[in-house]
All heavy atoms as atom14 arrays in JSON, in Angstrom:
{
  "sequence": "KRDLKKYIKIVCGDIVGECIFAKLYFDGADAEKMDNI",
  "atom14_mask": [
    [1, 1, 1, 1, 1, 1, 1, 1, 1, 0, 0, 0, 0, 0],
    [1, 1, 1, 1, 1, 1, 1, 1, 1, 1, 1, 0, 0, 0],
    [1, 1, 1, 1, 1, 1, 1, 1, 0, 0, 0, 0, 0, 0],
    [1, 1, 1, 1, 1, 1, 1, 1, 0, 0, 0, 0, 0, 0],
    [1, 1, 1, 1, 1, 1, 1, 1, 1, 0, 0, 0, 0, 0],
    [1, 1, 1, 1, 1, 1, 1, 1, 1, 0, 0, 0, 0, 0],
    [1, 1, 1, 1, 1, 1, 1, 1, 1, 1, 1, 1, 0, 0],
    [1, 1, 1, 1, 1, 1, 1, 1, 0, 0, 0, 0, 0, 0],
    [1, 1, 1, 1, 1, 1, 1, 1, 1, 0, 0, 0, 0, 0],
    [1, 1, 1, 1, 1, 1, 1, 1, 0, 0, 0, 0, 0, 0],
    [1, 1, 1, 1, 1, 1, 1, 0, 0, 0, 0, 0, 0, 0],
    [1, 1, 1, 1, 1, 1, 0, 0, 0, 0, 0, 0, 0, 0],
    [1, 1, 1, 1, 0, 0, 0, 0, 0, 0, 0, 0, 0, 0],
    [1, 1, 1, 1, 1, 1, 1, 1, 0, 0, 0, 0, 0, 0],
    [1, 1, 1, 1, 1, 1, 1, 1, 0, 0, 0, 0, 0, 0],
    [1, 1, 1, 1, 1, 1, 1, 0, 0, 0, 0, 0, 0, 0],
    [1, 1, 1, 1, 0, 0, 0, 0, 0, 0, 0, 0, 0, 0],
    [1, 1, 1, 1, 1, 1, 1, 1, 1, 0, 0, 0, 0, 0],
    [1, 1, 1, 1, 1, 1, 0, 0, 0, 0, 0, 0, 0, 0],
    [1, 1, 1, 1, 1, 1, 1, 1, 0, 0, 0, 0, 0, 0],
    [1, 1, 1, 1, 1, 1, 1, 1, 1, 1, 1, 0, 0, 0],
    [1, 1, 1, 1, 1, 0, 0, 0, 0, 0, 0, 0, 0, 0],
    [1, 1, 1, 1, 1, 1, 1, 1, 1, 0, 0, 0, 0, 0],
    [1, 1, 1, 1, 1, 1, 1, 1, 0, 0, 0, 0, 0, 0],
    [1, 1, 1, 1, 1, 1, 1, 1, 1, 1, 1, 1, 0, 0],
    [1, 1, 1, 1, 1, 1, 1, 1, 1, 1, 1, 0, 0, 0],
    [1, 1, 1, 1, 1, 1, 1, 1, 0, 0, 0, 0, 0, 0],
    [1, 1, 1, 1, 0, 0, 0, 0, 0, 0, 0, 0, 0, 0],
    [1, 1, 1, 1, 1, 0, 0, 0, 0, 0, 0, 0, 0, 0],
    [1, 1, 1, 1, 1, 1, 1, 1, 0, 0, 0, 0, 0, 0],
    [1, 1, 1, 1, 1, 0, 0, 0, 0, 0, 0, 0, 0, 0],
    [1, 1, 1, 1, 1, 1, 1, 1, 1, 0, 0, 0, 0, 0],
    [1, 1, 1, 1, 1, 1, 1, 1, 1, 0, 0, 0, 0, 0],
    [1, 1, 1, 1, 1, 1, 1, 1, 0, 0, 0, 0, 0, 0],
    [1, 1, 1, 1, 1, 1, 1, 1, 0, 0, 0, 0, 0, 0],
    [1, 1, 1, 1, 1, 1, 1, 1, 0, 0, 0, 0, 0, 0],
    [1, 1, 1, 1, 1, 1, 1, 1, 0, 0, 0, 0, 0, 0]
  ],
  "atom14_positions": [
    [[30.5, 27.41, 2.4], [29.47, 27.31, 3.44], [28.06, 27.38, 2.85], [27.16, 26.68, 3.32], [29.64, 28.44, 4.46], [30.85, 28.29, 5.33], [30.94, 29.45, 6.3], [32.24, 29.39, 7.08], [32.34, 30.53, 8.03], [0.0, 0.0, 0.0], [0.0, 0.0, 0.0], [0.0, 0.0, 0.0], [0.0, 0.0, 0.0], [0.0, 0.0, 0.0]],
    [[27.88, 28.19, 1.84], [26.56, 28.32, 1.23], [26.09, 26.99, 0.65], [24.95, 26.56, 0.84], [26.6, 29.39, 0.14], [25.25, 29.68, -0.48], [25.28, 30.79, -1.52], [26.46, 31.61, -1.42], [27.19, 31.99, -2.48], [26.87, 31.59, -3.68], [28.25, 32.74, -2.34], [0.0, 0.0, 0.0], [0.0, 0.0, 0.0], [0.0, 0.0, 0.0]],
    [[26.99, 26.31, -0.07], [26.65, 25.01, -0.64], [26.37, 23.97, 0.44], [25.46, 23.15, 0.31], [27.77, 24.51, -1.56], [27.87, 25.31, -2.85], [26.89, 26.01, -3.19], [28.93, 25.23, -3.5], [0.0, 0.0, 0.0], [0.0, 0.0, 0.0], [0.0, 0.0, 0.0], [0.0, 0.0, 0.0], [0.0, 0.0, 0.0], [0.0, 0.0, 0.0]],
    [[27.14, 24.01, 1.51], [26.93, 23.09, 2.61], [25.57, 23.3, 3.26], [24.85, 22.34, 3.56], [28.06, 23.22, 3.64], [28.02, 22.28, 4.84], [28.02, 20.82, 4.39], [29.2, 22.55, 5.76], [0.0, 0.0, 0.0], [0.0, 0.0, 0.0], [0.0, 0.0, 0.0], [0.0, 0.0, 0.0], [0.0, 0.0, 0.0], [0.0, 0.0, 0.0]],
    [[25.21, 24.56, 3.47], [23.9, 24.86, 4.06], [22.77, 24.41, 3.14], [21.75, 23.88, 3.6], [23.8, 26.35, 4.36], [24.66, 26.77, 5.54], [24.57, 28.27, 5.79], [25.46, 28.69, 6.94], [25.36, 30.13, 7.21], [0.0, 0.0, 0.0], [0.0, 0.0, 0.0], [0.0, 0.0, 0.0], [0.0, 0.0, 0.0], [0.0, 0.0, 0.0]],
    [[22.94, 24.59, 1.83], [21.93, 24.14, 0.87], [21.78, 22.61, 0.93], [20.67, 22.08, 0.89], [22.3, 24.56, -0.55], [22.07, 26.0, -0.85], [22.47, 26.33, -2.29], [22.37, 27.8, -2.58], [22.8, 28.1, -3.97], [0.0, 0.0, 0.0], [0.0, 0.0, 0.0], [0.0, 0.0, 0.0], [0.0, 0.0, 0.0], [0.0, 0.0, 0.0]],
    [[22.9, 21.92, 1.02], [22.89, 20.46, 1.11], [22.12, 20.01, 2.35], [21.29, 19.1, 2.29], [24.34, 19.96, 1.15], [24.49, 18.5, 1.48], [24.23, 17.51, 0.53], [24.91, 18.09, 2.74], [24.37, 16.17, 0.84], [25.06, 16.76, 3.05], [24.78, 15.8, 2.11], [24.92, 14.48, 2.43], [0.0, 0.0, 0.0], [0.0, 0.0, 0.0]],
    [[22.38, 20.65, 3.48], [21.7, 20.29, 4.72], [20.19, 20.53, 4.58], [19.38, 19.67, 4.97], [22.28, 21.1, 5.9], [23.72, 20.67, 6.18], [21.42, 20.94, 7.15], [24.5, 21.6, 7.07], [0.0, 0.0, 0.0], [0.0, 0.0, 0.0], [0.0, 0.0, 0.0], [0.0, 0.0, 0.0], [0.0, 0.0, 0.0], [0.0, 0.0, 0.0]],
    [[19.81, 21.65, 4.0], [18.39, 21.96, 3.81], [17.72, 20.96, 2.88], [16.57, 20.57, 3.09], [18.22, 23.39, 3.29], [18.54, 24.44, 4.34], [18.44, 25.84, 3.75], [18.85, 26.88, 4.78], [18.83, 28.23, 4.23], [0.0, 0.0, 0.0], [0.0, 0.0, 0.0], [0.0, 0.0, 0.0], [0.0, 0.0, 0.0], [0.0, 0.0, 0.0]],
    [[18.43, 20.56, 1.84], [17.86, 19.58, 0.89], [17.66, 18.24, 1.57], [16.6, 17.61, 1.43], [18.76, 19.46, -0.36], [18.66, 20.72, -1.21], [18.4, 18.23, -1.18], [19.7, 20.81, -2.31], [0.0, 0.0, 0.0], [0.0, 0.0, 0.0], [0.0, 0.0, 0.0], [0.0, 0.0, 0.0], [0.0, 0.0, 0.0], [0.0, 0.0, 0.0]],
    [[18.65, 17.78, 2.32], [18.54, 16.49, 3.0], [17.37, 16.51, 3.98], [16.53, 15.6, 3.99], [19.86, 16.13, 3.71], [19.68, 14.96, 4.66], [20.95, 15.83, 2.7], [0.0, 0.0, 0.0], [0.0, 0.0, 0.0], [0.0, 0.0, 0.0], [0.0, 0.0, 0.0], [0.0, 0.0, 0.0], [0.0, 0.0, 0.0], [0.0, 0.0, 0.0]],
    [[17.3, 17.54, 4.8], [16.24, 17.62, 5.79], [14.88, 17.8, 5.13], [13.88, 17.21, 5.57], [16.53, 18.75, 6.78], [17.95, 18.42, 7.84], [0.0, 0.0, 0.0], [0.0, 0.0, 0.0], [0.0, 0.0, 0.0], [0.0, 0.0, 0.0], [0.0, 0.0, 0.0], [0.0, 0.0, 0.0], [0.0, 0.0, 0.0], [0.0, 0.0, 0.0]],
    [[14.82, 18.57, 4.06], [13.58, 18.74, 3.32], [13.08, 17.44, 2.72], [11.87, 17.16, 2.73], [0.0, 0.0, 0.0], [0.0, 0.0, 0.0], [0.0, 0.0, 0.0], [0.0, 0.0, 0.0], [0.0, 0.0, 0.0], [0.0, 0.0, 0.0], [0.0, 0.0, 0.0], [0.0, 0.0, 0.0], [0.0, 0.0, 0.0], [0.0, 0.0, 0.0]],
    [[13.99, 16.64, 2.21], [13.61, 15.34, 1.65], [13.05, 14.42, 2.73], [12.08, 13.69, 2.5], [14.8, 14.68, 0.96], [15.17, 15.33, -0.37], [14.35, 16.13, -0.88], [16.26, 15.03, -0.88], [0.0, 0.0, 0.0], [0.0, 0.0, 0.0], [0.0, 0.0, 0.0], [0.0, 0.0, 0.0], [0.0, 0.0, 0.0], [0.0, 0.0, 0.0]],
    [[13.66, 14.44, 3.9], [13.16, 13.61, 5.01], [11.75, 14.03, 5.38], [10.85, 13.18, 5.55], [14.1, 13.7, 6.22], [15.43, 13.02, 5.92], [13.46, 13.07, 7.46], [16.5, 13.25, 6.97], [0.0, 0.0, 0.0], [0.0, 0.0, 0.0], [0.0, 0.0, 0.0], [0.0, 0.0, 0.0], [0.0, 0.0, 0.0], [0.0, 0.0, 0.0]],
    [[11.54, 15.33, 5.52], [10.21, 15.83, 5.88], [9.2, 15.48, 4.79], [8.07, 15.06, 5.09], [10.26, 17.36, 6.13], [8.86, 17.93, 6.25], [11.05, 17.65, 7.39], [0.0, 0.0, 0.0], [0.0, 0.0, 0.0], [0.0, 0.0, 0.0], [0.0, 0.0, 0.0], [0.0, 0.0, 0.0], [0.0, 0.0, 0.0], [0.0, 0.0, 0.0]],
    [[9.57, 15.62, 3.54], [8.67, 15.26, 2.45], [8.28, 13.8, 2.48], [7.11, 13.46, 2.27], [0.0, 0.0, 0.0], [0.0, 0.0, 0.0], [0.0, 0.0, 0.0], [0.0, 0.0, 0.0], [0.0, 0.0, 0.0], [0.0, 0.0, 0.0], [0.0, 0.0, 0.0], [0.0, 0.0, 0.0], [0.0, 0.0, 0.0], [0.0, 0.0, 0.0]],
    [[9.23, 12.93, 2.75], [8.93, 11.5, 2.86], [8.0, 11.21, 4.03], [7.11, 10.36, 3.93], [10.22, 10.68, 3.0], [11.07, 10.66, 1.75], [10.42, 9.95, 0.58], [9.68, 8.96, 0.8], [10.65, 10.38, -0.56], [0.0, 0.0, 0.0], [0.0, 0.0, 0.0], [0.0, 0.0, 0.0], [0.0, 0.0, 0.0], [0.0, 0.0, 0.0]],
    [[8.2, 11.91, 5.13], [7.32, 11.73, 6.3], [5.89, 12.15, 5.98], [4.94, 11.46, 6.33], [7.84, 12.53, 7.5], [9.29, 11.85, 8.27], [0.0, 0.0, 0.0], [0.0, 0.0, 0.0], [0.0, 0.0, 0.0], [0.0, 0.0, 0.0], [0.0, 0.0, 0.0], [0.0, 0.0, 0.0], [0.0, 0.0, 0.0], [0.0, 0.0, 0.0]],
    [[5.76, 13.3, 5.34], [4.42, 13.78, 4.99], [3.76, 12.83, 4.0], [2.58, 12.49, 4.15], [4.51, 15.22, 4.43], [4.92, 16.18, 5.54], [3.18, 15.64, 3.8], [5.25, 17.57, 5.06], [0.0, 0.0, 0.0], [0.0, 0.0, 0.0], [0.0, 0.0, 0.0], [0.0, 0.0, 0.0], [0.0, 0.0, 0.0], [0.0, 0.0, 0.0]],
    [[4.51, 12.37, 3.01], [3.95, 11.43, 2.04], [3.49, 10.15, 2.73], [2.37, 9.68, 2.5], [5.0, 11.1, 0.97], [4.51, 10.13, -0.05], [3.74, 10.56, -1.12], [4.81, 8.78, 0.04], [3.27, 9.67, -2.07], [4.35, 7.87, -0.89], [3.58, 8.32, -1.96], [0.0, 0.0, 0.0], [0.0, 0.0, 0.0], [0.0, 0.0, 0.0]],
    [[4.34, 9.6, 3.59], [4.0, 8.36, 4.3], [2.78, 8.57, 5.19], [1.89, 7.7, 5.27], [5.18, 7.87, 5.11], [0.0, 0.0, 0.0], [0.0, 0.0, 0.0], [0.0, 0.0, 0.0], [0.0, 0.0, 0.0], [0.0, 0.0, 0.0], [0.0, 0.0, 0.0], [0.0, 0.0, 0.0], [0.0, 0.0, 0.0], [0.0, 0.0, 0.0]],
    [[2.75, 9.68, 5.86], [1.65, 9.98, 6.78], [0.32, 10.08, 6.03], [-0.7, 9.59, 6.51], [1.97, 11.29, 7.49], [0.98, 11.75, 8.51], [1.54, 13.01, 9.17], [0.45, 13.96, 9.49], [0.9, 15.18, 10.11], [0.0, 0.0, 0.0], [0.0, 0.0, 0.0], [0.0, 0.0, 0.0], [0.0, 0.0, 0.0], [0.0, 0.0, 0.0]],
    [[0.34, 10.67, 4.84], [-0.9, 10.89, 4.1], [-1.34, 9.69, 3.26], [-2.53, 9.46, 3.08], [-0.75, 12.11, 3.19], [-0.57, 13.46, 3.9], [-0.33, 14.56, 2.88], [-1.78, 13.77, 4.76], [0.0, 0.0, 0.0], [0.0, 0.0, 0.0], [0.0, 0.0, 0.0], [0.0, 0.0, 0.0], [0.0, 0.0, 0.0], [0.0, 0.0, 0.0]],
    [[-0.38, 8.93, 2.74], [-0.74, 7.91, 1.75], [-0.52, 6.46, 2.16], [-0.98, 5.56, 1.47], [0.01, 8.18, 0.44], [-0.4, 9.49, -0.18], [0.44, 10.58, -0.16], [-1.65, 9.63, -0.77], [0.07, 11.8, -0.71], [-2.04, 10.84, -1.34], [-1.18, 11.92, -1.3], [-1.57, 13.11, -1.83], [0.0, 0.0, 0.0], [0.0, 0.0, 0.0]],
    [[0.17, 6.21, 3.26], [0.38, 4.83, 3.68], [-0.6, 4.48, 4.78], [-0.66, 5.16, 5.81], [1.8, 4.62, 4.21], [2.88, 4.64, 3.16], [4.2, 4.7, 3.54], [2.59, 4.59, 1.82], [5.21, 4.71, 2.6], [3.59, 4.6, 0.87], [4.9, 4.66, 1.26], [0.0, 0.0, 0.0], [0.0, 0.0, 0.0], [0.0, 0.0, 0.0]],
    [[-1.36, 3.41, 4.54], [-2.27, 2.93, 5.58], [-1.44, 2.34, 6.7], [-0.49, 1.61, 6.48], [-3.21, 1.87, 5.01], [-4.16, 2.44, 3.98], [-4.48, 3.64, 4.08], [-4.57, 1.69, 3.07], [0.0, 0.0, 0.0], [0.0, 0.0, 0.0], [0.0, 0.0, 0.0], [0.0, 0.0, 0.0], [0.0, 0.0, 0.0], [0.0, 0.0, 0.0]],
    [[-1.8, 2.65, 7.91], [-1.11, 2.09, 9.06], [0.12, 2.86, 9.49], [0.82, 2.46, 10.42], [0.0, 0.0, 0.0], [0.0, 0.0, 0.0], [0.0, 0.0, 0.0], [0.0, 0.0, 0.0], [0.0, 0.0, 0.0], [0.0, 0.0, 0.0], [0.0, 0.0, 0.0], [0.0, 0.0, 0.0], [0.0, 0.0, 0.0], [0.0, 0.0, 0.0]],
    [[0.43, 3.98, 8.83], [1.58, 4.79, 9.25], [1.18, 5.57, 10.5], [0.09, 6.12, 10.58], [1.99, 5.75, 8.15], [0.0, 0.0, 0.0], [0.0, 0.0, 0.0], [0.0, 0.0, 0.0], [0.0, 0.0, 0.0], [0.0, 0.0, 0.0], [0.0, 0.0, 0.0], [0.0, 0.0, 0.0], [0.0, 0.0, 0.0], [0.0, 0.0, 0.0]],
    [[2.04, 5.58, 11.47], [1.78, 6.26, 12.74], [1.99, 7.77, 12.54], [3.12, 8.25, 12.48], [2.7, 5.72, 13.82], [2.35, 6.21, 15.2], [1.67, 7.25, 15.3], [2.74, 5.55, 16.18], [0.0, 0.0, 0.0], [0.0, 0.0, 0.0], [0.0, 0.0, 0.0], [0.0, 0.0, 0.0], [0.0, 0.0, 0.0], [0.0, 0.0, 0.0]],
    [[0.87, 8.51, 12.47], [0.93, 9.94, 12.18], [1.65, 10.71, 13.29], [2.4, 11.66, 13.02], [-0.48, 10.5, 11.99], [0.0, 0.0, 0.0], [0.0, 0.0, 0.0], [0.0, 0.0, 0.0], [0.0, 0.0, 0.0], [0.0, 0.0, 0.0], [0.0, 0.0, 0.0], [0.0, 0.0, 0.0], [0.0, 0.0, 0.0], [0.0, 0.0, 0.0]],
    [[1.45, 10.33, 14.52], [2.09, 11.03, 15.63], [3.61, 10.86, 15.58], [4.36, 11.82, 15.79], [1.56, 10.52, 16.96], [2.08, 11.28, 18.15], [1.46, 10.83, 19.46], [0.34, 10.3, 19.45], [2.13, 11.01, 20.49], [0.0, 0.0, 0.0], [0.0, 0.0, 0.0], [0.0, 0.0, 0.0], [0.0, 0.0, 0.0], [0.0, 0.0, 0.0]],
    [[4.07, 9.64, 15.28], [5.51, 9.42, 15.16], [6.08, 10.21, 13.99], [7.18, 10.76, 14.09], [5.81, 7.93, 14.97], [5.68, 7.12, 16.23], [6.08, 5.68, 15.99], [5.91, 4.84, 17.25], [6.28, 3.44, 17.02], [0.0, 0.0, 0.0], [0.0, 0.0, 0.0], [0.0, 0.0, 0.0], [0.0, 0.0, 0.0], [0.0, 0.0, 0.0]],
    [[5.35, 10.26, 12.89], [5.82, 11.03, 11.74], [5.92, 12.52, 12.08], [6.87, 13.19, 11.69], [4.9, 10.83, 10.53], [4.99, 9.45, 9.92], [6.63, 9.14, 9.25], [6.42, 7.5, 8.63], [0.0, 0.0, 0.0], [0.0, 0.0, 0.0], [0.0, 0.0, 0.0], [0.0, 0.0, 0.0], [0.0, 0.0, 0.0], [0.0, 0.0, 0.0]],
    [[4.94, 13.03, 12.84], [5.0, 14.43, 13.26], [6.22, 14.68, 14.14], [6.9, 15.7, 14.01], [3.73, 14.83, 14.01], [2.52, 14.94, 13.09], [2.72, 15.11, 11.86], [1.38, 14.84, 13.59], [0.0, 0.0, 0.0], [0.0, 0.0, 0.0], [0.0, 0.0, 0.0], [0.0, 0.0, 0.0], [0.0, 0.0, 0.0], [0.0, 0.0, 0.0]],
    [[6.51, 13.75, 15.04], [7.69, 13.88, 15.91], [8.98, 13.85, 15.1], [9.94, 14.56, 15.42], [7.7, 12.79, 16.98], [6.61, 12.97, 18.0], [6.11, 14.07, 18.21], [6.2, 11.89, 18.64], [0.0, 0.0, 0.0], [0.0, 0.0, 0.0], [0.0, 0.0, 0.0], [0.0, 0.0, 0.0], [0.0, 0.0, 0.0], [0.0, 0.0, 0.0]],
    [[9.01, 13.03, 14.06], [10.19, 12.95, 13.2], [10.37, 14.26, 12.44], [11.5, 14.74, 12.27], [10.08, 11.75, 12.23], [10.16, 10.43, 13.02], [11.16, 11.8, 11.17], [9.79, 9.2, 12.22], [0.0, 0.0, 0.0], [0.0, 0.0, 0.0], [0.0, 0.0, 0.0], [0.0, 0.0, 0.0], [0.0, 0.0, 0.0], [0.0, 0.0, 0.0]]
  ]
}
């Protein structure tokens, strides 16, 4: 269970990191949609 929980946190953390990166560095990225994601 511990490894499974770590996997879930890593996957979700990567998604959030990509959203923040896109929001800050991509022109034309919809910041509100990224926040909702």
